[in-house]
Amino acid sequence: MSNVNLSLEGHISRVVDAMVSSGYVKTKAEALRLALFEFNRSHNLVPDEESAYALVAQDIAAGVDSGRIKTKEFNLRELD
């Protein structure tokens, strides 16, 4: 997590104030977090955690299928 100090002016400042006064959010910081969350959801810049795990699993499965990732066969008795 990081901290950011912003100076909002003009239209953007009015939008943030309207988000707070309309009750969509309680604070200006929450308004900015919501706006960034929605931007990411629209543009998918950073996948959510579940999607990120699915992408990693897909990459591993593709690696196993192609032979790039080697696996070892074992039987369940080896786990005891």
N, C-alpha and C. Protein backbone atom coordinates (compact mmCIF):
# COMPACT_ATOMS: atom_id res chain seq x y z
N MET A 1 0.85 -1.17 0.00
CA MET A 1 0.00 0.00 0.00
C MET A 1 0.89 1.23 0.00
N SER A 2 0.50 2.23 -0.73
CA SER A 2 1.28 3.45 -0.76
C SER A 2 0.38 4.65 -0.50
N ASN A 3 1.00 5.73 -0.09
CA ASN A 3 0.28 6.98 0.16
C ASN A 3 0.54 7.94 -0.98
N VAL A 4 -0.50 8.70 -1.34
CA VAL A 4 -0.39 9.68 -2.41
C VAL A 4 -1.11 10.95 -1.97
N ASN A 5 -0.48 12.07 -2.18
CA ASN A 5 -1.14 13.37 -1.94
C ASN A 5 -1.50 13.95 -3.29
N LEU A 6 -2.78 14.26 -3.47
CA LEU A 6 -3.25 14.81 -4.74
C LEU A 6 -3.90 16.15 -4.53
N SER A 7 -3.75 17.00 -5.51
CA SER A 7 -4.47 18.25 -5.54
C SER A 7 -5.47 18.16 -6.69
N LEU A 8 -6.75 18.11 -6.35
CA LEU A 8 -7.78 17.98 -7.37
C LEU A 8 -8.41 19.34 -7.63
N GLU A 9 -8.55 19.66 -8.90
CA GLU A 9 -9.13 20.94 -9.27
C GLU A 9 -10.17 20.74 -10.37
N GLY A 10 -11.01 21.72 -10.54
CA GLY A 10 -11.95 21.74 -11.65
C GLY A 10 -12.94 20.59 -11.64
N HIS A 11 -13.17 20.04 -12.82
CA HIS A 11 -14.20 19.02 -13.02
C HIS A 11 -13.96 17.79 -12.15
N ILE A 12 -12.73 17.31 -12.09
CA ILE A 12 -12.43 16.12 -11.29
C ILE A 12 -12.74 16.36 -9.83
N SER A 13 -12.42 17.52 -9.32
CA SER A 13 -12.72 17.86 -7.94
C SER A 13 -14.23 17.84 -7.70
N ARG A 14 -14.99 18.39 -8.65
CA ARG A 14 -16.45 18.40 -8.52
C ARG A 14 -17.02 16.98 -8.57
N VAL A 15 -16.45 16.12 -9.40
CA VAL A 15 -16.90 14.72 -9.48
C VAL A 15 -16.67 14.02 -8.14
N VAL A 16 -15.49 14.18 -7.59
CA VAL A 16 -15.18 13.54 -6.30
C VAL A 16 -16.10 14.08 -5.21
N ASP A 17 -16.29 15.38 -5.16
CA ASP A 17 -17.19 15.97 -4.17
C ASP A 17 -18.62 15.44 -4.35
N ALA A 18 -19.07 15.29 -5.59
CA ALA A 18 -20.42 14.77 -5.85
C ALA A 18 -20.54 13.31 -5.42
N MET A 19 -19.49 12.53 -5.59
CA MET A 19 -19.52 11.14 -5.14
C MET A 19 -19.72 11.06 -3.63
N VAL A 20 -19.04 11.96 -2.91
CA VAL A 20 -19.16 11.98 -1.45
C VAL A 20 -20.52 12.52 -1.03
N SER A 21 -20.92 13.65 -1.59
CA SER A 21 -22.18 14.26 -1.16
C SER A 21 -23.40 13.43 -1.56
N SER A 22 -23.29 12.65 -2.62
CA SER A 22 -24.40 11.78 -3.04
C SER A 22 -24.46 10.49 -2.24
N GLY A 23 -23.43 10.23 -1.45
CA GLY A 23 -23.44 9.05 -0.60
C GLY A 23 -22.88 7.79 -1.25
N TYR A 24 -22.33 7.91 -2.44
CA TYR A 24 -21.72 6.73 -3.07
C TYR A 24 -20.52 6.25 -2.25
N VAL A 25 -19.80 7.19 -1.69
CA VAL A 25 -18.64 6.91 -0.84
C VAL A 25 -18.68 7.84 0.36
N LYS A 26 -17.88 7.51 1.37
CA LYS A 26 -17.86 8.35 2.57
C LYS A 26 -16.75 9.38 2.57
N THR A 27 -15.66 9.09 1.85
CA THR A 27 -14.52 10.00 1.85
C THR A 27 -13.99 10.20 0.43
N LYS A 28 -13.19 11.24 0.26
CA LYS A 28 -12.56 11.48 -1.03
C LYS A 28 -11.58 10.38 -1.39
N ALA A 29 -10.88 9.86 -0.38
CA ALA A 29 -9.94 8.76 -0.63
C ALA A 29 -10.69 7.53 -1.14
N GLU A 30 -11.85 7.26 -0.56
CA GLU A 30 -12.66 6.13 -1.00
C GLU A 30 -13.16 6.36 -2.43
N ALA A 31 -13.48 7.60 -2.76
CA ALA A 31 -13.92 7.92 -4.13
C ALA A 31 -12.82 7.62 -5.13
N LEU A 32 -11.59 7.97 -4.79
CA LEU A 32 -10.47 7.70 -5.69
C LEU A 32 -10.20 6.20 -5.81
N ARG A 33 -10.29 5.47 -4.69
CA ARG A 33 -10.09 4.02 -4.74
C ARG A 33 -11.16 3.37 -5.62
N LEU A 34 -12.40 3.81 -5.47
CA LEU A 34 -13.49 3.26 -6.28
C LEU A 34 -13.28 3.57 -7.76
N ALA A 35 -12.88 4.79 -8.06
CA ALA A 35 -12.63 5.17 -9.46
C ALA A 35 -11.51 4.32 -10.06
N LEU A 36 -10.44 4.09 -9.30
CA LEU A 36 -9.34 3.27 -9.80
C LEU A 36 -9.75 1.82 -9.96
N PHE A 37 -10.54 1.32 -9.02
CA PHE A 37 -11.05 -0.05 -9.12
C PHE A 37 -11.89 -0.21 -10.39
N GLU A 38 -12.79 0.73 -10.63
CA GLU A 38 -13.65 0.67 -11.82
C GLU A 38 -12.84 0.82 -13.10
N PHE A 39 -11.82 1.66 -13.10
CA PHE A 39 -10.95 1.82 -14.27
C PHE A 39 -10.26 0.50 -14.58
N ASN A 40 -9.73 -0.14 -13.55
CA ASN A 40 -9.05 -1.42 -13.76
C ASN A 40 -10.03 -2.48 -14.24
N ARG A 41 -11.22 -2.48 -13.68
CA ARG A 41 -12.23 -3.46 -14.10
C ARG A 41 -12.59 -3.26 -15.57
N SER A 42 -12.65 -2.03 -16.02
CA SER A 42 -12.99 -1.74 -17.42
C SER A 42 -11.86 -2.10 -18.37
N HIS A 43 -10.61 -1.88 -17.94
CA HIS A 43 -9.46 -2.04 -18.83
C HIS A 43 -8.62 -3.28 -18.53
N ASN A 44 -8.91 -3.96 -17.43
CA ASN A 44 -8.23 -5.20 -17.04
C ASN A 44 -6.71 -5.07 -17.09
N LEU A 45 -6.19 -4.00 -16.51
CA LEU A 45 -4.74 -3.79 -16.46
C LEU A 45 -4.07 -4.77 -15.51
N VAL A 46 -4.67 -4.97 -14.34
CA VAL A 46 -4.14 -5.88 -13.34
C VAL A 46 -5.27 -6.85 -13.01
N PRO A 47 -5.11 -8.14 -13.35
CA PRO A 47 -6.20 -9.08 -13.08
C PRO A 47 -6.43 -9.24 -11.58
N ASP A 48 -7.68 -9.53 -11.22
CA ASP A 48 -7.96 -9.77 -9.81
C ASP A 48 -7.25 -11.05 -9.37
N GLU A 49 -7.21 -11.28 -8.09
CA GLU A 49 -6.42 -12.39 -7.55
C GLU A 49 -6.87 -13.73 -8.12
N GLU A 50 -8.18 -13.94 -8.20
CA GLU A 50 -8.70 -15.21 -8.71
C GLU A 50 -8.29 -15.42 -10.17
N SER A 51 -8.40 -14.36 -10.96
CA SER A 51 -8.01 -14.45 -12.37
C SER A 51 -6.51 -14.67 -12.51
N ALA A 52 -5.74 -14.04 -11.64
CA ALA A 52 -4.28 -14.21 -11.70
C ALA A 52 -3.91 -15.65 -11.42
N TYR A 53 -4.54 -16.28 -10.42
CA TYR A 53 -4.27 -17.69 -10.13
C TYR A 53 -4.67 -18.56 -11.31
N ALA A 54 -5.80 -18.25 -11.93
CA ALA A 54 -6.25 -19.04 -13.09
C ALA A 54 -5.26 -18.93 -14.24
N LEU A 55 -4.71 -17.73 -14.46
CA LEU A 55 -3.71 -17.56 -15.52
C LEU A 55 -2.44 -18.36 -15.24
N VAL A 56 -2.02 -18.37 -13.97
CA VAL A 56 -0.82 -19.15 -13.60
C VAL A 56 -1.09 -20.64 -13.79
N ALA A 57 -2.25 -21.09 -13.36
CA ALA A 57 -2.60 -22.51 -13.51
C ALA A 57 -2.65 -22.90 -14.99
N GLN A 58 -3.21 -22.01 -15.81
CA GLN A 58 -3.29 -22.26 -17.25
C GLN A 58 -1.88 -22.34 -17.84
N ASP A 59 -0.99 -21.48 -17.43
CA ASP A 59 0.39 -21.49 -17.92
C ASP A 59 1.11 -22.77 -17.50
N ILE A 60 0.89 -23.21 -16.27
CA ILE A 60 1.51 -24.45 -15.79
C ILE A 60 0.98 -25.63 -16.58
N ALA A 61 -0.34 -25.70 -16.78
CA ALA A 61 -0.93 -26.80 -17.55
C ALA A 61 -0.39 -26.82 -18.97
N ALA A 62 -0.25 -25.67 -19.58
CA ALA A 62 0.30 -25.60 -20.94
C ALA A 62 1.75 -26.07 -20.95
N GLY A 63 2.50 -25.72 -19.91
CA GLY A 63 3.90 -26.14 -19.80
C GLY A 63 4.02 -27.65 -19.65
N VAL A 64 3.12 -28.24 -18.88
CA VAL A 64 3.12 -29.69 -18.70
C VAL A 64 2.75 -30.37 -20.02
N ASP A 65 1.71 -29.85 -20.68
CA ASP A 65 1.27 -30.43 -21.96
C ASP A 65 2.36 -30.37 -23.02
N SER A 66 3.12 -29.29 -23.04
CA SER A 66 4.15 -29.12 -24.06
C SER A 66 5.46 -29.83 -23.69
N GLY A 67 5.58 -30.28 -22.45
CA GLY A 67 6.81 -30.92 -22.00
C GLY A 67 7.83 -29.95 -21.44
N ARG A 68 7.51 -28.67 -21.45
CA ARG A 68 8.42 -27.66 -20.91
C ARG A 68 8.56 -27.81 -19.41
N ILE A 69 7.47 -28.22 -18.75
CA ILE A 69 7.50 -28.46 -17.30
C ILE A 69 7.40 -29.97 -17.10
N LYS A 70 8.38 -30.52 -16.40
CA LYS A 70 8.43 -31.95 -16.15
C LYS A 70 7.68 -32.28 -14.87
N THR A 71 6.98 -33.38 -14.87
CA THR A 71 6.28 -33.84 -13.68
C THR A 71 6.81 -35.22 -13.31
N LYS A 72 6.59 -35.60 -12.08
CA LYS A 72 7.04 -36.91 -11.60
C LYS A 72 5.81 -37.71 -11.22
N GLU A 73 5.75 -38.94 -11.70
CA GLU A 73 4.66 -39.81 -11.30
C GLU A 73 4.96 -40.36 -9.92
N PHE A 74 3.95 -40.55 -9.09
CA PHE A 74 4.12 -41.13 -7.78
C PHE A 74 2.84 -41.84 -7.41
N ASN A 75 2.93 -42.70 -6.40
CA ASN A 75 1.71 -43.31 -5.90
C ASN A 75 1.41 -42.75 -4.53
N LEU A 76 0.21 -42.94 -4.06
CA LEU A 76 -0.23 -42.31 -2.82
C LEU A 76 0.55 -42.81 -1.60
N ARG A 77 1.10 -44.01 -1.66
CA ARG A 77 1.87 -44.53 -0.52
C ARG A 77 3.13 -43.71 -0.29
N GLU A 78 3.63 -43.06 -1.31
CA GLU A 78 4.81 -42.21 -1.16
C GLU A 78 4.54 -40.99 -0.29
N LEU A 79 3.28 -40.62 -0.16
CA LEU A 79 2.92 -39.43 0.61
C LEU A 79 2.84 -39.69 2.10
N ASP A 80 2.74 -40.95 2.50
CA ASP A 80 2.63 -41.30 3.93
C ASP A 80 3.93 -41.13 4.67
